[in-house]
Protein backbone atom coordinates (compact mmCIF):
# COMPACT_ATOMS: atom_id res chain seq x y z
CA MET A 1 129.55 112.03 108.34
CA PRO A 2 131.69 108.96 109.09
CA SER A 3 133.95 107.74 106.32
CA LEU A 4 133.10 104.47 104.62
CA SER A 5 136.79 103.70 104.13
CA HIS A 6 138.57 101.47 106.64
CA PRO A 7 142.06 101.45 108.19
CA PRO A 8 144.85 99.14 106.98
CA GLN A 9 144.23 95.46 107.65
CA SER A 10 147.33 95.28 109.84
CA ASN A 11 145.85 97.90 112.20
CA VAL A 12 142.57 95.99 112.42
CA THR A 13 144.50 92.76 113.13
CA ARG A 14 146.37 94.43 116.02
CA ALA A 15 143.13 95.87 117.41
CA ARG A 16 141.44 92.50 117.10
CA ALA A 17 144.20 90.68 118.95
CA ALA A 18 144.01 93.19 121.80
CA LEU A 19 140.21 92.91 122.00
CA GLU A 20 140.21 89.14 122.13
CA ALA A 21 143.01 89.14 124.73
CA GLY A 22 141.08 91.56 126.92
CA ALA A 23 143.80 94.20 126.52
CA ARG A 24 143.43 97.88 125.66
CA VAL A 25 142.76 98.46 121.96
CA PRO A 26 145.59 100.58 120.43
CA GLY A 27 144.52 104.14 119.72
CA GLY A 28 144.12 104.99 116.03
CA ALA A 29 143.96 101.35 114.95
CA LEU A 30 140.25 101.68 114.13
CA SER A 31 138.08 104.38 112.63
CA PRO A 32 136.63 106.63 115.36
CA GLU A 33 133.06 105.34 114.94
CA VAL A 34 134.13 101.66 115.10
CA ALA A 35 136.33 102.36 118.13
CA ARG A 36 133.39 104.00 119.90
CA SER A 37 131.19 101.03 119.03
CA TRP A 38 133.70 98.53 120.47
CA GLU A 39 133.91 100.59 123.65
CA ARG A 40 130.12 100.53 124.01
CA CYS A 41 130.03 96.76 123.43
CA ILE A 42 132.74 96.18 126.04
CA GLY A 43 130.92 98.48 128.46
CA SER A 44 127.73 96.44 127.93
CA GLY A 45 129.55 93.26 128.96
CA LEU A 46 129.53 91.59 125.53
CA ASP A 47 132.16 88.89 124.96
CA PRO A 48 133.66 89.06 121.44
CA MET A 49 134.36 85.32 121.45
CA HIS A 50 130.78 84.32 122.24
CA ARG A 51 127.94 84.05 119.75
CA PRO A 52 125.25 86.72 119.94
CA ASP A 53 121.67 85.66 120.49
CA ASP A 54 119.63 85.49 117.28
CA VAL A 55 116.79 87.79 118.33
CA VAL A 56 113.87 87.40 115.91
CA ILE A 57 110.45 88.90 116.63
CA ALA A 58 107.18 87.14 115.76
CA PHE A 59 106.15 87.37 112.12
CA ALA A 60 102.79 88.87 113.14
CA GLU A 61 104.71 91.86 114.51
CA VAL A 62 106.78 92.01 111.32
CA ARG A 63 103.54 92.30 109.34
CA ALA A 64 102.32 95.06 111.66
CA ARG A 65 105.58 96.97 111.24
CA ARG A 66 105.36 96.56 107.46
CA GLU A 67 101.86 98.03 107.49
CA GLU A 68 103.03 100.99 109.57
CA GLN A 69 105.79 101.67 107.05
CA ALA A 70 103.81 100.80 103.89
CA PRO A 71 104.71 103.89 101.74
CA LEU A 72 108.38 103.75 102.78
CA ARG A 73 108.53 99.98 102.31
CA ARG A 74 107.04 100.22 98.81
CA LEU A 75 109.83 102.60 97.78
CA ALA A 76 112.47 100.49 99.51
CA LEU A 77 111.37 97.26 97.85
CA ALA A 78 111.55 98.86 94.41
CA GLN A 79 115.13 99.99 95.09
CA MET A 80 116.03 96.58 96.52
CA GLN A 81 114.87 94.92 93.31
CA LEU A 82 117.07 97.32 91.33
CA LEU A 83 120.06 96.69 93.62
CA HIS A 84 119.50 92.96 93.29
CA GLU A 85 119.94 93.27 89.53
CA GLN A 86 122.94 95.62 89.81
CA ILE A 87 125.10 93.55 92.17
CA ALA A 88 123.92 90.05 91.25
CA GLY A 89 126.62 87.39 91.41
CA SER A 90 128.64 88.97 94.21
CA ASN A 91 127.42 86.61 97.00
CA PHE A 92 125.37 89.26 98.76
CA MET A 93 122.21 90.09 100.68
CA ILE A 94 120.21 93.33 100.61
CA ALA A 95 118.06 94.12 103.64
CA PHE A 96 115.58 96.84 104.56
CA ALA A 97 115.16 97.60 108.28
CA ASP A 98 112.94 100.01 110.17
CA ALA A 99 114.11 102.64 112.64
CA GLY A 100 114.05 100.05 115.42
CA GLY A 101 116.74 97.96 113.75
CA VAL A 102 114.26 95.22 112.77
CA VAL A 103 114.76 93.69 109.32
CA LEU A 104 111.46 93.84 107.41
CA ASP A 105 112.62 92.46 104.05
CA ALA A 106 115.69 90.78 102.61
CA LEU A 107 116.83 89.76 99.12
CA SER A 108 119.89 87.64 98.47
CA ASP A 109 121.53 85.38 95.96
CA PRO A 110 120.98 81.66 96.66
CA HIS A 111 124.53 80.99 97.90
CA PHE A 112 124.39 83.70 100.55
CA ALA A 113 120.82 82.75 101.56
CA ASP A 114 122.00 79.23 102.38
CA SER A 115 124.94 80.47 104.47
CA GLU A 116 124.92 80.92 108.24
CA ALA A 117 124.86 84.71 107.82
CA GLY A 118 122.00 84.47 105.32
CA ARG A 119 119.94 82.49 107.81
CA SER A 120 120.57 85.18 110.44
CA ILE A 121 119.52 88.22 108.38
CA VAL A 122 115.84 87.38 107.97
CA PRO A 123 112.61 89.35 108.37
CA GLY A 124 112.07 89.91 112.07
CA SER A 125 115.74 89.72 113.04
CA VAL A 126 116.90 92.58 115.27
CA TRP A 127 120.32 94.12 114.58
CA LEU A 128 120.77 96.62 117.39
CA GLU A 129 124.32 97.10 118.59
CA GLY A 130 123.40 96.17 122.17
CA GLY A 131 122.63 92.59 121.15
CA ARG A 132 124.52 91.99 117.89
CA GLY A 133 127.65 93.97 118.67
CA THR A 134 129.31 96.22 116.11
CA ASN A 135 127.47 95.87 112.80
CA ALA A 136 126.61 98.29 110.00
CA LEU A 137 122.85 98.49 110.69
CA GLY A 138 123.26 99.05 114.41
CA LEU A 139 126.09 101.56 113.92
CA ALA A 140 124.19 103.56 111.28
CA LEU A 141 121.27 103.84 113.72
CA ILE A 142 123.49 105.19 116.48
CA GLU A 143 125.62 107.49 114.30
CA GLN A 144 122.59 108.59 112.22
CA ALA A 145 124.93 108.33 109.22
CA PRO A 146 126.23 105.79 106.68
CA ALA A 147 128.28 102.99 108.23
CA ALA A 148 130.51 100.26 106.83
CA ILE A 149 131.94 97.35 108.82
CA TYR A 150 134.54 95.14 107.18
CA GLY A 151 135.36 91.63 108.33
CA ARG A 152 137.05 91.65 111.71
CA GLU A 153 135.82 95.15 112.53
CA HIS A 154 132.66 93.36 113.68
CA PHE A 155 132.73 93.04 117.45
CA PHE A 156 131.82 89.35 117.49
CA ALA A 157 134.49 87.09 115.99
CA CYS A 158 131.83 84.87 114.35
CA HIS A 159 130.93 87.77 112.02
CA GLY A 160 134.52 88.26 110.89
CA HIS A 161 133.96 86.84 107.40
CA LEU A 162 131.28 89.43 106.54
CA SER A 163 131.44 92.93 105.13
CA CYS A 164 128.40 95.17 105.27
CA VAL A 165 127.36 98.72 104.56
CA ALA A 166 124.20 100.43 105.84
CA MET A 167 122.63 103.69 104.69
CA PRO A 168 120.06 105.51 106.84
CA ILE A 169 116.89 106.79 105.19
CA PHE A 170 115.54 110.13 106.39
CA ASP A 171 112.02 111.47 105.88
CA PRO A 172 111.30 115.07 104.79
CA SER A 173 111.38 116.12 108.46
CA ASP A 174 114.95 114.77 108.72
CA ARG A 175 113.94 111.86 110.96
CA LEU A 176 115.62 108.51 110.47
CA VAL A 177 112.81 106.19 109.36
CA GLY A 178 114.63 103.17 107.95
CA LEU A 179 117.89 101.68 106.66
CA LEU A 180 119.20 99.86 103.61
CA ASP A 181 121.94 97.30 104.18
CA ALA A 182 124.11 95.31 101.78
CA SER A 183 126.01 92.41 103.35
CA SER A 184 128.50 90.21 101.56
CA SER A 185 131.26 87.70 102.16
CA ASN A 186 133.21 89.16 99.23
CA GLU A 187 134.95 92.55 99.61
CA ALA A 188 135.99 92.83 95.96
CA ARG A 189 132.98 94.92 94.94
CA GLN A 190 132.34 96.75 98.20
CA GLN A 191 133.15 100.28 96.96
CA HIS A 192 130.91 99.71 93.97
CA THR A 193 128.20 98.46 96.32
CA HIS A 194 128.59 101.49 98.64
CA ALA A 195 127.82 103.90 95.82
CA LEU A 196 124.79 101.91 94.67
CA VAL A 197 123.31 101.59 98.16
CA ARG A 198 123.85 105.31 98.80
CA MET A 199 122.05 106.12 95.54
CA ALA A 200 119.20 103.77 96.46
CA ALA A 201 118.75 105.46 99.85
CA SER A 202 118.71 108.89 98.17
CA ALA A 203 116.11 107.67 95.67
CA ILE A 204 113.90 106.45 98.54
CA GLU A 205 114.20 109.79 100.34
CA ASN A 206 113.28 111.64 97.15
CA GLY A 207 110.34 109.29 96.71
CA LEU A 208 109.06 110.16 100.19
CA ILE A 209 109.06 113.82 99.18
CA ALA A 210 107.39 113.16 95.82
CA ASP A 211 104.71 110.94 97.37
CA GLY A 212 104.01 113.22 100.30
CA ARG A 213 101.17 115.19 98.70
CA PRO A 214 99.56 114.86 95.28
CA ASP A 215 99.04 118.60 94.77
CA VAL A 216 102.64 119.80 95.12
CA LEU A 217 104.94 121.32 92.54
CA LEU A 218 108.17 119.32 92.60
CA LEU A 219 111.35 121.23 91.76
CA ALA A 220 114.93 119.98 91.23
CA LEU A 221 117.80 122.43 91.67
CA HIS A 222 121.56 122.29 91.19
CA PRO A 223 124.40 124.74 90.37
CA ARG A 224 125.00 122.82 87.11
CA ALA A 225 122.16 122.14 84.68
CA GLU A 226 123.50 118.73 83.61
CA TYR A 227 123.08 117.43 87.18
CA LEU A 228 119.38 118.31 87.51
CA ASP A 229 118.27 114.80 86.59
CA THR A 230 120.66 113.06 88.99
CA LEU A 231 120.28 112.03 92.62
CA SER A 232 122.74 114.77 93.64
CA SER A 233 120.21 117.48 92.80
CA GLY A 234 118.21 119.20 95.50
CA LEU A 235 114.49 118.52 95.64
CA ILE A 236 111.82 120.90 96.95
CA ALA A 237 108.08 120.29 97.09
CA LEU A 238 105.98 123.46 96.98
CA SER A 239 102.31 123.99 97.65
CA PRO A 240 100.19 125.60 94.90
CA ASP A 241 100.67 128.99 96.55
CA GLY A 242 104.46 128.72 96.79
CA GLU A 243 105.02 127.44 100.33
CA VAL A 244 107.73 124.84 101.03
CA VAL A 245 106.05 121.52 101.88
CA SER A 246 109.22 119.42 102.11
CA ILE A 247 112.88 119.59 101.13
CA ASN A 248 115.57 116.92 100.81
CA ARG A 249 119.02 116.95 102.38
CA ALA A 250 120.77 117.85 99.12
CA ALA A 251 118.61 120.97 98.80
CA ARG A 252 119.26 121.95 102.42
CA ALA A 253 123.01 121.60 101.76
CA LEU A 254 122.76 123.82 98.66
CA LEU A 255 120.85 126.42 100.68
CA ALA A 256 123.15 126.31 103.70
CA GLY A 257 122.87 129.51 105.72
CA LEU A 258 119.27 130.13 104.68
CA ASP A 259 116.20 129.33 106.72
CA ALA A 260 115.02 126.54 104.40
CA HIS A 261 112.30 124.57 106.16
CA SER A 262 108.73 123.42 105.74
CA GLY A 263 106.32 126.34 105.84
CA GLN A 264 108.84 128.82 104.47
CA ALA A 265 107.75 130.90 101.45
CA PHE A 266 109.57 130.31 98.16
CA ASP A 267 110.02 134.08 97.75
CA ALA A 268 111.87 134.21 101.08
CA LEU A 269 114.52 131.84 99.67
CA PHE A 270 114.82 132.78 95.99
CA GLU A 271 114.43 135.52 93.44
CA PRO A 272 112.66 136.05 91.07
CA GLY A 273 109.36 135.24 92.74
CA PHE A 274 107.32 132.05 92.59
CA GLY A 275 104.87 133.19 89.89
CA ARG A 276 107.68 134.25 87.54
CA LEU A 277 109.50 130.95 88.06
CA VAL A 278 106.41 128.85 87.24
CA ASP A 279 105.88 130.79 84.02
CA ASP A 280 109.53 130.31 83.03
CA LEU A 281 109.36 126.59 83.72
CA ARG A 282 106.17 126.16 81.72
CA GLY A 283 107.62 128.06 78.81
CA ASN A 284 111.23 126.81 78.77
CA GLY A 285 111.34 123.65 80.91
CA ILE A 286 114.31 125.01 82.88
CA ALA A 287 114.98 128.28 84.70
CA ARG A 288 117.68 130.05 86.70
CA VAL A 289 117.15 131.49 90.15
CA ARG A 290 119.37 133.23 92.68
CA ASP A 291 119.03 132.26 96.32
CA ARG A 292 118.95 134.96 98.96
CA ALA A 293 122.61 134.23 99.78
CA GLY A 294 123.57 135.19 96.21
CA SER A 295 124.23 131.75 94.64
CA MET A 296 122.91 130.98 91.15
CA LEU A 297 121.03 127.70 90.67
CA TYR A 298 119.35 125.93 87.79
CA VAL A 299 115.80 124.73 88.39
CA ALA A 300 113.73 122.11 86.57
CA CYS A 301 110.22 120.89 87.31
CA ARG A 302 109.93 117.20 88.10
CA ARG A 303 106.14 117.37 88.42
CA PHE A 304 103.57 120.03 87.64
CA ALA A 305 100.66 119.54 89.99
CA ALA A 306 99.85 123.20 90.55
CA PRO A 307 97.71 125.23 88.14
CA PRO A 308 99.29 127.94 85.96
CA VAL A 309 100.33 131.07 87.83
CA ALA A 310 100.01 134.43 86.14
CA THR A 311 103.01 136.80 86.08
CA ARG A 312 101.65 139.26 88.58
CA PRO A 313 103.20 140.41 91.86
CA ALA A 314 100.40 138.75 93.80
CA PRO A 315 99.10 135.93 91.63
CA THR A 316 95.72 134.38 92.22
CA VAL A 317 96.05 130.64 92.60
CA HIS A 318 93.10 128.28 92.22
CA ARG A 319 93.77 125.05 94.00
CA LEU A 320 93.18 121.83 92.12
CA PRO A 321 91.12 119.19 93.92
CA VAL A 322 93.09 116.24 95.22
CA PRO A 323 92.00 113.11 93.28
CA GLU A 324 90.06 110.58 95.28
CA ALA A 325 91.53 107.17 95.98
CA PRO A 326 90.20 104.45 93.69
CA THR A 327 87.23 102.57 95.04
CA ALA A 328 87.80 99.13 96.49
CA SER A 329 84.49 97.81 95.20
CA SER A 330 83.73 96.09 91.92
CA ALA A 331 81.34 93.52 90.51
CA GLY A 332 83.02 90.65 92.32
CA PHE A 333 84.91 92.38 95.13
CA ILE A 334 83.77 94.65 97.90
CA CYS A 335 85.65 96.25 100.78
CA GLU A 336 84.50 98.88 103.23
CA ASP A 337 86.59 97.61 106.14
CA PRO A 338 88.91 100.46 107.30
CA LEU A 339 91.79 98.15 108.26
CA LEU A 340 91.74 96.27 104.97
CA LEU A 341 91.37 99.49 102.98
CA ARG A 342 94.46 100.85 104.72
CA ARG A 343 96.36 97.66 103.88
CA MET A 344 95.25 97.93 100.25
CA ARG A 345 96.37 101.54 99.82
CA PRO A 346 99.84 100.66 98.42
CA LEU A 347 98.43 98.19 95.84
CA ALA A 348 98.15 100.56 92.89
CA PRO A 349 101.64 102.10 93.36
CA ALA A 350 103.07 98.60 93.85
CA THR A 351 101.70 97.43 90.51
CA ARG A 352 103.26 100.47 88.83
CA GLU A 353 106.61 99.36 90.26
CA ARG A 354 105.80 95.76 89.21
CA LEU A 355 106.35 94.49 92.73
CA ALA A 356 105.25 90.92 93.37
CA ILE A 357 102.15 90.92 95.61
CA HIS A 358 101.38 88.18 98.12
CA ILE A 359 97.91 87.70 99.58
CA HIS A 360 97.47 85.80 102.83
CA GLY A 361 94.25 84.80 104.51
CA GLU A 362 92.13 81.92 105.71
CA THR A 363 90.28 79.69 103.26
CA GLY A 364 87.28 81.47 101.79
CA THR A 365 88.35 85.07 102.56
CA GLY A 366 88.37 86.07 98.89
CA LYS A 367 92.04 85.85 97.91
CA GLU A 368 91.33 85.29 94.21
CA LEU A 369 88.87 88.20 94.18
CA MET A 370 91.60 90.36 95.71
CA ALA A 371 94.03 89.13 93.05
CA ARG A 372 91.58 90.08 90.28
CA HIS A 373 91.15 93.47 91.95
CA VAL A 374 94.95 93.90 91.83
CA HIS A 375 94.90 93.06 88.12
CA ALA A 376 92.19 95.66 87.54
CA LEU A 377 94.16 98.29 89.48
CA SER A 378 97.27 97.61 87.41
CA GLY A 379 95.50 98.63 84.20
CA ARG A 380 97.37 95.90 82.32
CA SER A 381 96.18 95.02 78.84
CA GLY A 382 96.99 91.31 79.15
CA ALA A 383 94.94 88.53 80.67
CA PHE A 384 94.48 87.45 84.29
CA ILE A 385 95.84 83.88 84.37
CA PRO A 386 95.15 81.87 87.56
CA ILE A 387 96.80 78.56 88.47
CA ASN A 388 95.99 76.43 91.49
CA CYS A 389 99.49 75.30 92.46
CA GLY A 390 98.12 72.49 94.61
CA GLY A 391 95.96 71.11 91.83
CA VAL A 392 98.68 70.40 89.25
CA PRO A 393 100.60 67.09 89.46
CA GLU A 394 104.21 67.66 90.47
CA SER A 395 105.50 65.90 87.34
CA LEU A 396 103.61 68.34 85.09
CA PHE A 397 103.96 71.57 87.03
CA ILE A 398 106.97 73.02 85.20
CA ALA A 399 105.50 72.11 81.80
CA GLU A 400 102.16 73.75 82.72
CA LEU A 401 103.88 76.90 83.94
CA PHE A 402 106.62 77.34 81.34
CA GLY A 403 105.14 75.43 78.39
CA HIS A 404 106.73 72.69 76.30
CA ASP A 405 107.72 71.98 72.73
CA ARG A 406 106.45 69.02 70.75
CA GLY A 407 107.85 65.73 72.08
CA ALA A 408 109.54 67.36 75.09
CA PHE A 409 108.44 64.50 77.37
CA THR A 410 106.25 61.40 77.36
CA ASN A 411 102.57 62.22 76.73
CA ALA A 412 103.45 65.80 75.74
CA ARG A 413 100.88 67.40 73.45
CA ASN A 414 101.71 66.93 69.80
CA GLU A 415 101.40 70.62 69.09
CA GLY A 416 103.25 71.66 72.26
CA ALA A 417 101.89 74.26 74.72
CA PRO A 418 102.84 77.90 75.38
CA GLY A 419 102.58 77.67 79.17
CA LEU A 420 100.63 79.83 81.60
CA ILE A 421 103.44 82.35 82.13
CA ARG A 422 103.49 83.24 78.42
CA GLN A 423 99.70 83.58 78.47
CA ALA A 424 100.08 86.13 81.27
CA ASP A 425 102.45 88.36 79.25
CA ARG A 426 101.44 92.03 79.78
CA GLY A 427 98.92 90.73 82.29
CA THR A 428 98.84 89.05 85.71
CA LEU A 429 99.84 85.52 86.76
CA PHE A 430 97.99 84.46 89.91
CA LEU A 431 99.71 81.64 91.82
CA ASP A 432 97.00 80.36 94.15
CA GLU A 433 98.06 78.04 97.01
CA VAL A 434 101.65 79.02 96.21
CA GLY A 435 102.92 77.08 99.23
CA ASP A 436 102.16 73.86 97.34
CA ILE A 437 104.62 74.54 94.49
CA PRO A 438 107.02 71.57 94.23
CA LEU A 439 110.57 72.35 95.33
CA ALA A 440 112.02 71.63 91.88
CA ALA A 441 109.59 74.09 90.31
CA GLN A 442 110.40 76.70 92.97
CA THR A 443 113.93 76.93 91.58
CA ALA A 444 112.65 77.43 88.03
CA LEU A 445 110.13 80.06 89.16
CA LEU A 446 112.81 81.95 91.08
CA ARG A 447 115.01 82.04 87.98
CA PHE A 448 112.09 83.46 85.97
CA LEU A 449 111.43 86.16 88.61
CA ASP A 450 115.10 87.16 88.50
CA THR A 451 115.25 87.51 84.70
CA MET A 452 111.63 87.66 83.49
CA GLU A 453 112.78 85.32 80.73
CA VAL A 454 111.06 82.03 79.92
CA ARG A 455 112.09 79.00 77.89
CA SER A 456 109.77 76.10 77.12
CA LEU A 457 110.70 72.54 78.03
CA GLY A 458 112.53 71.08 75.07
CA GLY A 459 112.92 74.53 73.51
CA GLY A 460 116.06 76.48 72.80
CA LYS A 461 114.81 80.07 72.62
CA THR A 462 114.07 82.36 75.53
CA ALA A 463 111.44 85.10 75.56
CA LYS A 464 111.41 88.25 77.67
CA LEU A 465 108.04 88.78 79.32
CA ASP A 466 106.25 91.49 81.29
CA VAL A 467 104.19 89.76 83.99
CA GLN A 468 102.66 91.01 87.21
CA ILE A 469 103.03 88.25 89.82
CA VAL A 470 100.34 87.80 92.47
CA SER A 471 100.47 84.83 94.85
CA ALA A 472 98.19 83.65 97.64
CA THR A 473 98.01 81.03 100.37
CA ASN A 474 96.36 80.28 103.69
CA ARG A 475 99.58 78.66 104.94
CA ASP A 476 102.29 80.32 107.03
CA LEU A 477 105.03 80.56 104.40
CA ALA A 478 107.52 81.93 106.92
CA ALA A 479 107.10 78.72 108.94
CA ALA A 480 107.47 76.68 105.74
CA VAL A 481 110.74 78.49 105.04
CA ALA A 482 111.97 77.74 108.56
CA ALA A 483 111.09 74.06 108.02
CA HIS A 484 112.97 74.08 104.68
CA ALA A 485 109.73 73.21 102.87
CA PHE A 486 109.80 76.45 100.86
CA ARG A 487 112.77 78.32 99.41
CA ALA A 488 113.63 81.43 101.42
CA ASP A 489 114.82 83.40 98.38
CA LEU A 490 111.60 82.64 96.49
CA TYR A 491 109.55 83.65 99.54
CA TYR A 492 111.28 87.03 99.69
CA ARG A 493 110.75 87.61 95.96
CA LEU A 494 107.05 86.77 96.11
CA ASN A 495 106.56 88.85 99.25
CA GLY A 496 107.22 92.23 97.66
CA LEU A 497 104.01 93.57 99.16
CA CYS A 498 101.95 91.38 101.49
CA ILE A 499 98.21 91.91 101.92
CA GLU A 500 96.62 90.14 104.89
CA ILE A 501 92.87 89.60 104.41
CA PRO A 502 91.13 89.39 107.79
CA PRO A 503 88.73 86.48 108.41
CA LEU A 504 85.05 87.30 108.03
CA ARG A 505 84.51 87.28 111.80
CA GLN A 506 86.93 90.24 112.07
CA ARG A 507 85.65 92.28 109.11
CA GLY A 508 84.16 95.68 109.85
CA ASP A 509 82.05 95.56 106.70
CA PHE A 510 80.14 92.33 107.43
CA ASP A 511 76.75 93.92 106.70
CA ALA A 512 77.94 95.32 103.36
CA ILE A 513 79.30 91.91 102.35
CA VAL A 514 75.99 90.21 103.20
CA ARG A 515 73.96 92.72 101.19
CA HIS A 516 76.43 92.50 98.29
CA LEU A 517 76.17 88.69 98.17
CA LEU A 518 72.38 88.83 98.40
CA ALA A 519 72.25 91.28 95.51
CA ARG A 520 74.37 88.92 93.42
CA HIS A 521 72.75 85.60 94.25
CA ALA A 522 69.25 86.40 95.52
CA SER A 523 68.29 89.89 94.42
CA ASP A 524 64.61 89.29 95.28
CA CYS A 525 65.44 88.59 98.94
CA SER A 526 66.07 90.99 101.83
CA ILE A 527 67.49 90.78 105.32
CA ASP A 528 66.70 92.97 108.30
CA GLU A 529 68.99 94.37 111.00
CA ALA A 530 67.96 91.78 113.58
CA ALA A 531 68.90 88.94 111.25
CA LEU A 532 72.21 90.62 110.41
CA GLY A 533 72.95 90.97 114.12
CA CYS A 534 72.43 87.24 114.60
CA LEU A 535 74.64 86.33 111.65
CA ARG A 536 77.48 88.51 112.96
CA GLN A 537 77.74 86.21 116.00
CA ARG A 538 78.47 83.14 113.90
CA PRO A 539 82.19 82.11 113.74
CA TRP A 540 82.13 81.51 109.95
CA PRO A 541 85.12 79.15 109.74
CA GLY A 542 84.65 79.02 105.94
CA ASN A 543 84.56 82.84 105.78
CA ILE A 544 82.91 84.52 102.79
CA ARG A 545 82.63 81.24 100.89
CA GLU A 546 80.66 79.76 103.78
CA LEU A 547 78.53 82.90 104.11
CA GLN A 548 77.74 82.77 100.40
CA SER A 549 76.60 79.14 100.66
CA TRP A 550 74.53 79.90 103.75
CA LEU A 551 72.77 82.85 102.09
CA ARG A 552 71.94 80.85 98.98
CA ARG A 553 70.36 78.12 101.13
CA ALA A 554 68.56 80.75 103.22
CA ALA A 555 67.19 82.40 100.07
CA ILE A 556 65.52 79.12 99.14
CA GLU A 557 63.91 79.00 102.59
CA ALA A 558 62.92 82.70 102.67
CA ASP A 559 59.35 83.59 103.62
CA ASP A 560 56.70 84.69 101.14
CA ALA A 561 57.89 88.30 101.37
CA GLY A 562 61.46 87.27 100.43
CA ARG A 563 62.87 87.89 103.93
CA ILE A 564 65.87 85.84 105.05
CA LEU A 565 64.95 83.78 108.10
CA VAL A 566 67.53 83.16 110.82
CA PRO A 567 67.19 79.80 112.65
CA ALA A 568 66.09 79.68 116.25
CA ASP A 569 69.66 79.09 117.41
CA GLY A 570 70.53 82.59 116.18
CA GLY A 571 72.51 81.37 113.21
CA THR A 572 75.40 80.30 115.40
CA GLY A 573 75.38 76.74 114.19
CA ALA A 574 74.47 75.42 117.62
CA GLY A 575 71.67 73.43 116.01
CA GLU A 576 73.97 71.56 113.64
CA PRO A 577 73.74 67.78 114.16
CA THR A 578 76.76 66.06 115.66
CA CYS A 579 78.05 62.58 114.94
CA ALA A 580 76.39 59.70 116.82
CA HIS A 581 79.22 59.40 119.36
CA CYS A 582 79.39 63.11 120.24
CA ALA A 583 75.61 63.42 120.55
CA ARG A 584 75.95 61.32 123.73
CA ASN A 585 79.02 63.21 124.99
CA PRO A 586 78.33 66.85 125.92
CA LEU A 587 82.04 67.66 126.23
CA SER A 588 82.68 66.76 122.56
CA ARG A 589 79.68 68.41 120.93
CA ASP A 590 81.22 71.87 120.29
CA LYS A 591 84.33 70.40 118.73
CA CYS A 592 82.26 68.05 116.59
CA ARG A 593 79.99 70.83 115.36
CA ARG A 594 82.99 73.00 114.42
CA ILE A 595 84.58 70.14 112.46
CA ARG A 596 81.33 69.42 110.64
CA GLU A 597 80.72 73.12 109.90
CA THR A 598 84.19 73.48 108.44
CA LEU A 599 83.75 70.30 106.43
CA ALA A 600 80.52 71.66 104.96
CA ALA A 601 82.12 75.05 104.23
CA THR A 602 85.00 73.42 102.35
CA GLY A 603 82.65 71.33 100.22
CA GLY A 604 83.51 68.10 102.01
CA ASN A 605 87.28 68.51 101.50
CA ILE A 606 88.73 66.41 104.34
CA GLN A 607 92.36 67.42 103.82
CA LEU A 608 91.50 71.15 103.74
CA THR A 609 89.31 70.80 106.84
CA ALA A 610 92.12 69.08 108.74
CA ARG A 611 94.68 71.68 107.67
CA GLN A 612 92.44 74.62 108.57
CA LEU A 613 91.60 73.28 112.04
CA GLY A 614 95.07 71.88 112.74
CA ILE A 615 93.88 68.32 113.28
CA SER A 616 94.50 64.98 111.57
CA ARG A 617 92.37 63.64 108.74
CA THR A 618 91.58 60.63 110.94
CA THR A 619 89.93 62.97 113.44
CA VAL A 620 87.79 64.47 110.68
CA TYR A 621 86.69 60.99 109.56
CA LYS A 622 85.61 60.15 113.13
CA HIS A 623 83.12 63.02 113.13
CA MET A 624 81.63 62.47 109.67
CA ASP A 625 78.91 59.91 110.48
CA ALA A 626 75.65 61.73 111.13
CA GLY A 627 73.83 61.07 114.34
């Protein structure tokens, strides 16, 4: 394993001068892994005095990569939040990258986020050595080991003011699956940061073992009993019949020389046998075992998921059924779409970790219903408090959110107001249309998310709260961040877990949604397969909200038997009237119909129609006059 220490600054200065002069780098001036990295960069034709290209992949691909790594990312985000609290104030950034060197998430303090480096380490940025030169993320990927790069050890001179450390994350099969990185412009706390990042990576690896299967018995082992509850302990997951399911690197190191791998029997590694050990653990909470190489180890159970095992040479084990995943249907929310169900799988664990959840989707896809579903999954005793961020005047937003004391501002309520955040204590605060939060209020909200402490306007006391944050928007917040219309650090905090709701036209459970809405709004009506087939062809620009309105109108026009009738045009909207001008212009009719459909679906909201279709409000006005 490469050392995270670095050579004397004078040696690095000599090596740097030689590199930039195109001369041979003095031997021994750099650590072996950094020297090898510089050689590779030189061999690839990189110029240390040039600026590397800022390679950033499309955010749609970032979302896809996040979905692929959902269980790992959930664990990583929880550790990043903890690291953020532990090293706050040191002008830093924490990043999580996948095994391809692509940054998926980043958290930083505001000063670093506004720096040139902070604007380079963003979700989607690629930090492979071949393009970015010597850097901690790229080096850790190549070395498959922890890496630290200080200042001018970076290959490119423009990165010389940064120090960074990266820790690889390995899955139970010992494959590198991700990396944690801490980058800073201040070296004063680097050693402290190294230890914390290493601990965070170990915690993530242990979490991958613990979350692997719900029916495993999870054992911690260490030569000293007082270390059993630390990250230095070994961790082994065992099936109910005593077979190794997974094992962490610390456990493999403790069992060096033994054939410790998945599929191996516990009794082949330790004595006494598995049944005796389980009985000891249930009775005493801790036990001692001897491995087959003769070393004594203490063992504690981190999780009992296996049934009791009798103390017999060949115990009979009755497997416990694996609990079913919670249903994604409720009175107001239904989901049978496989893609969306897969995206929703991390929701319950995320609420246990109190990760902020962001919901993205087109207008009318059911973002608030999803938010209420998240609240139900969390099991929180407090209330679900929604706020439409675009519907509150900018001058009153902070007062509405944080509350105010009597006389705090002109026209303040005489009795004051507690604020929506306080009302959401022990519950969920839903920030709908979060992209419309005024910039001044974004700063205040970010401060609350960092501390979970709130103080009313005009008040002197702060209160510590416990609030689950859920936000939603149909806007591209990443684009808003790039345009400096939304704070990057707030975006990263809100985007702890992102759920993308597909538009209705892409849902695989369209029929179930139709029947669900009919049962709610027109239980005496029915719809046959032919009618459903016609409705599936409609574009539904207003999504579920539009479908709901259409079904309610159709229920009024149902035949005497209560059957929903589909219009002669197949329900595609081709029969919708156009404006007077477009009725005479065949080339404009389709566009006009789409604008008018969207306008109807949004309840006549001109601004929302223009935003959804990417056109000006003037264009919407032109198509409003009926023909």
